[in-house]
Amino acid sequence: MRVGILALQGAVEPHRAKLAALGVEAVAVRLAEELAGCAGLILPGGESTTMLNLIEAYGLEEPLREFAARRPCWGVCAGSILMAAEVENPSQVSFGLMPITVRRNAYGRQNESFIAKIDLRLPGEPPRSQEAVFIRAPRITRCAPETRVLAELDGAPVAVEHGRHLATTFHPELSEGDRLHRHFLTICGAQRLAGAG
C-alpha cells in the first residue's frame, strides 16, 4: 500500500516513519501527479494558512478535492482545519471534507502547547489510553450528528471520523504507538476493496 503525505510544509517526517514501521510506502506529495496510486492522504500538522497558500501556488486545490472525493484523507492539527466545513478564529477557506467546525489556535500560543492522556475509542476495540500532543491546537466546536467521535478532551472532540475521512486536533505521529495510523490504513484498505479505483 502507498499512502501520500502532503509535503508542502509541516510535520511530514514523523508520519513517514510511522508508516514505514508498518511496512507502508509513504509518498511525499507536492505535485498533483504524486497523488496517483496513493490509497489515502495525510494532511499533516503545520500552519494552515501557509499550507493553503502553497496548495494554491502548486496548483493542488482541484487535484486534492478530486482525490478526497474518492480516497480517504486524514487531517492532523492544521490538516483538520483544512478538512473542516467551517473555520473560526478567524474564518478562512477550507476543503469542507468533514461536517465539522474547527476553531484555530483554541488552546493558545506555541508556548501553551501541552500533552494530555485521552481515551481513544476505535471501532471494534475497547477504549485505550492514548498520549495526545497538542501544539497550537485547534478545537472542534461543532460536528454533525453522523460524525463518529473517537476521542474527547474536556468534553470537546479531538479525534473524529466521518465516512472515509479522519481528523485529529493533536499529533499522534509524535507519540508512542501507532493505533491511529493503523486505523487510517484500515480505512484506506476498506476503501480500495470497495472499488474506489
Protein backbone atom coordinates (compact mmCIF):
# COMPACT_ATOMS: atom_id res chain seq x y z
CA MET A 1 0.00 0.00 0.00
CA ARG A 2 1.14 3.54 -0.76
CA VAL A 3 -0.08 6.47 1.35
CA GLY A 4 0.58 10.09 0.47
CA ILE A 5 1.63 12.80 2.91
CA LEU A 6 1.03 16.37 1.80
CA ALA A 7 4.63 17.61 1.98
CA LEU A 8 4.39 21.33 1.32
CA GLN A 9 5.02 22.30 4.95
CA GLY A 10 4.72 20.84 8.43
CA ALA A 11 5.34 17.58 10.29
CA VAL A 12 5.91 15.19 7.38
CA GLU A 13 8.83 13.01 8.52
CA PRO A 14 7.25 11.63 11.73
CA HIS A 15 4.29 10.32 9.68
CA ARG A 16 6.67 8.79 7.12
CA ALA A 17 8.49 6.98 9.92
CA LYS A 18 5.25 5.62 11.42
CA LEU A 19 4.09 4.36 8.01
CA ALA A 20 7.48 2.83 7.21
CA ALA A 21 7.43 0.92 10.50
CA LEU A 22 4.08 -0.53 9.41
CA GLY A 23 5.51 -1.61 6.06
CA VAL A 24 3.74 1.09 4.07
CA GLU A 25 5.36 3.23 1.39
CA ALA A 26 4.92 6.92 2.18
CA VAL A 27 4.80 9.27 -0.80
CA ALA A 28 5.73 12.93 -0.26
CA VAL A 29 3.07 14.78 -2.24
CA ARG A 30 3.96 18.17 -3.65
CA LEU A 31 2.61 17.79 -7.18
CA ALA A 32 -0.76 16.55 -8.44
CA GLU A 33 0.75 13.56 -10.25
CA GLU A 34 2.23 12.29 -6.98
CA LEU A 35 -1.29 11.50 -5.75
CA ALA A 36 -1.59 8.74 -8.34
CA GLY A 37 -1.55 5.29 -6.80
CA CYS A 38 -2.00 6.54 -3.23
CA ALA A 39 -4.60 4.68 -1.19
CA GLY A 40 -5.04 7.67 1.13
CA LEU A 41 -3.54 11.03 2.05
CA ILE A 42 -2.38 12.53 5.34
CA LEU A 43 -2.65 16.31 5.67
CA PRO A 44 -0.11 16.88 8.44
CA GLY A 45 0.25 19.47 11.16
CA GLY A 46 1.88 22.78 10.33
CA GLU A 47 0.36 26.19 9.67
CA SER A 48 -2.95 26.05 7.84
CA THR A 49 -2.74 29.49 6.18
CA THR A 50 0.73 28.72 4.83
CA MET A 51 -0.50 25.34 3.61
CA LEU A 52 -3.41 26.96 1.77
CA ASN A 53 -1.08 29.45 0.08
CA LEU A 54 1.26 26.64 -1.01
CA ILE A 55 -1.65 24.47 -2.20
CA GLU A 56 -2.70 27.36 -4.44
CA ALA A 57 0.87 28.03 -5.60
CA TYR A 58 1.38 24.36 -6.55
CA GLY A 59 -2.00 24.09 -8.29
CA LEU A 60 -3.15 21.39 -5.89
CA GLU A 61 -6.61 22.59 -4.87
CA GLU A 62 -8.66 20.76 -7.50
CA PRO A 63 -6.46 17.62 -7.52
CA LEU A 64 -6.85 17.40 -3.73
CA ARG A 65 -10.62 17.82 -3.95
CA GLU A 66 -10.82 15.14 -6.64
CA PHE A 67 -8.63 12.79 -4.61
CA ALA A 68 -10.70 13.32 -1.42
CA ALA A 69 -13.89 12.54 -3.34
CA ARG A 70 -12.55 9.01 -3.96
CA ARG A 71 -9.97 8.25 -1.28
CA PRO A 72 -9.59 8.62 2.50
CA CYS A 73 -7.90 11.71 3.93
CA TRP A 74 -6.64 12.26 7.47
CA GLY A 75 -6.19 15.82 8.69
CA VAL A 76 -3.84 16.24 11.65
CA CYS A 77 -3.93 19.52 13.64
CA ALA A 78 -3.60 22.11 10.84
CA GLY A 79 -4.76 19.38 8.49
CA SER A 80 -8.00 19.10 10.46
CA ILE A 81 -8.57 22.80 9.79
CA LEU A 82 -8.24 22.13 6.05
CA MET A 83 -10.73 19.24 6.35
CA ALA A 84 -13.41 21.28 8.13
CA ALA A 85 -16.65 22.60 6.68
CA GLU A 86 -16.25 25.79 8.72
CA VAL A 87 -13.24 27.51 10.32
CA GLU A 88 -13.35 30.11 13.10
CA ASN A 89 -10.84 32.49 14.74
CA PRO A 90 -10.57 33.81 12.07
CA SER A 91 -12.71 32.40 9.32
CA GLN A 92 -10.70 31.01 6.42
CA VAL A 93 -11.07 28.86 3.34
CA SER A 94 -11.15 25.08 3.86
CA PHE A 95 -11.93 22.00 1.81
CA GLY A 96 -15.20 21.12 3.58
CA LEU A 97 -14.44 17.39 3.59
CA MET A 98 -16.00 16.77 7.01
CA PRO A 99 -19.13 18.30 8.62
CA ILE A 100 -17.20 19.88 11.48
CA THR A 101 -16.44 23.40 12.68
CA VAL A 102 -12.88 23.99 13.84
CA ARG A 103 -11.61 26.92 15.91
CA ARG A 104 -7.98 27.78 15.17
CA ASN A 105 -5.41 28.17 18.00
CA ALA A 106 -8.12 27.38 20.52
CA TYR A 107 -5.71 26.28 23.25
CA GLY A 108 -3.34 29.24 22.99
CA ARG A 109 0.07 30.02 21.55
CA GLN A 110 3.06 27.75 20.88
CA ASN A 111 4.35 28.07 24.46
CA GLU A 112 0.97 26.88 25.74
CA SER A 113 1.24 23.57 23.91
CA PHE A 114 0.72 20.51 26.12
CA ILE A 115 0.48 16.72 26.33
CA ALA A 116 -2.63 15.00 27.67
CA LYS A 117 -3.94 11.47 28.11
CA ILE A 118 -7.14 10.70 26.24
CA ASP A 119 -9.30 7.61 25.83
CA LEU A 120 -9.20 6.54 22.18
CA ARG A 121 -12.30 4.59 21.09
CA LEU A 122 -11.59 2.95 17.74
CA PRO A 123 -14.29 0.84 16.07
CA GLY A 124 -14.26 -2.78 17.23
CA GLU A 125 -11.74 -2.11 20.02
CA PRO A 126 -12.09 -1.35 23.73
CA PRO A 127 -11.19 2.22 24.76
CA ARG A 128 -7.47 2.61 25.41
CA SER A 129 -5.40 5.42 26.82
CA GLN A 130 -3.52 7.45 24.23
CA GLU A 131 -0.91 10.17 24.69
CA ALA A 132 -2.00 13.25 22.75
CA VAL A 133 0.40 16.07 21.84
CA PHE A 134 -1.36 19.41 21.31
CA ILE A 135 0.72 22.11 19.56
CA ARG A 136 -1.11 25.39 18.92
CA ALA A 137 -4.03 23.05 18.55
CA PRO A 138 -7.39 23.79 17.02
CA ARG A 139 -10.63 22.76 18.73
CA ILE A 140 -13.60 21.06 17.13
CA THR A 141 -16.54 23.17 18.31
CA ARG A 142 -19.32 21.51 16.31
CA CYS A 143 -19.78 18.31 14.37
CA ALA A 144 -22.76 16.78 12.57
CA PRO A 145 -24.66 14.02 14.41
CA GLU A 146 -23.44 11.37 11.97
CA THR A 147 -19.80 12.15 12.82
CA ARG A 148 -18.20 9.44 14.94
CA VAL A 149 -16.26 10.87 17.90
CA LEU A 150 -13.23 8.69 18.62
CA ALA A 151 -11.77 10.75 21.50
CA GLU A 152 -12.52 13.83 23.57
CA LEU A 153 -10.64 16.22 25.83
CA ASP A 154 -12.60 18.24 28.39
CA GLY A 155 -15.81 17.46 26.53
CA ALA A 156 -14.58 18.58 23.10
CA PRO A 157 -13.94 16.09 20.28
CA VAL A 158 -10.24 15.73 19.41
CA ALA A 159 -10.48 12.76 17.04
CA VAL A 160 -13.42 12.31 14.67
CA GLU A 161 -14.35 10.16 11.71
CA HIS A 162 -16.91 10.80 9.00
CA GLY A 163 -17.33 8.40 6.11
CA ARG A 164 -13.84 7.63 4.79
CA HIS A 165 -12.22 10.71 6.37
CA LEU A 166 -10.47 11.18 9.71
CA ALA A 167 -9.40 14.27 11.66
CA THR A 168 -7.36 14.70 14.84
CA THR A 169 -6.57 18.00 16.50
CA PHE A 170 -3.48 16.52 18.17
CA HIS A 171 -0.31 14.90 16.76
CA PRO A 172 -0.37 11.07 17.04
CA GLU A 173 2.82 10.91 14.97
CA LEU A 174 4.73 12.50 17.88
CA SER A 175 3.63 9.90 20.44
CA GLU A 176 4.49 6.26 21.01
CA GLY A 177 2.11 3.77 19.47
CA ASP A 178 0.56 3.54 16.05
CA ARG A 179 -3.13 2.82 16.65
CA LEU A 180 -4.40 5.81 14.67
CA HIS A 181 -2.03 5.14 11.79
CA ARG A 182 -3.17 1.52 11.74
CA HIS A 183 -6.79 2.67 11.83
CA PHE A 184 -6.23 5.01 8.89
CA LEU A 185 -4.61 2.18 6.92
CA THR A 186 -7.66 0.02 7.66
CA ILE A 187 -9.89 2.75 6.25
CA CYS A 188 -7.66 3.02 3.17
CA GLY A 189 -7.74 -0.73 2.64
CA ALA A 190 -11.51 -0.92 3.01
CA GLN A 191 -11.97 1.89 0.51
CA ARG A 192 -9.79 0.09 -2.03
CA LEU A 193 -11.75 -3.15 -1.57
CA ALA A 194 -14.98 -1.20 -2.10
CA GLY A 195 -13.81 -0.49 -5.64
CA ALA A 196 -12.59 3.08 -5.36
CA GLY A 197 -10.11 2.51 -8.15
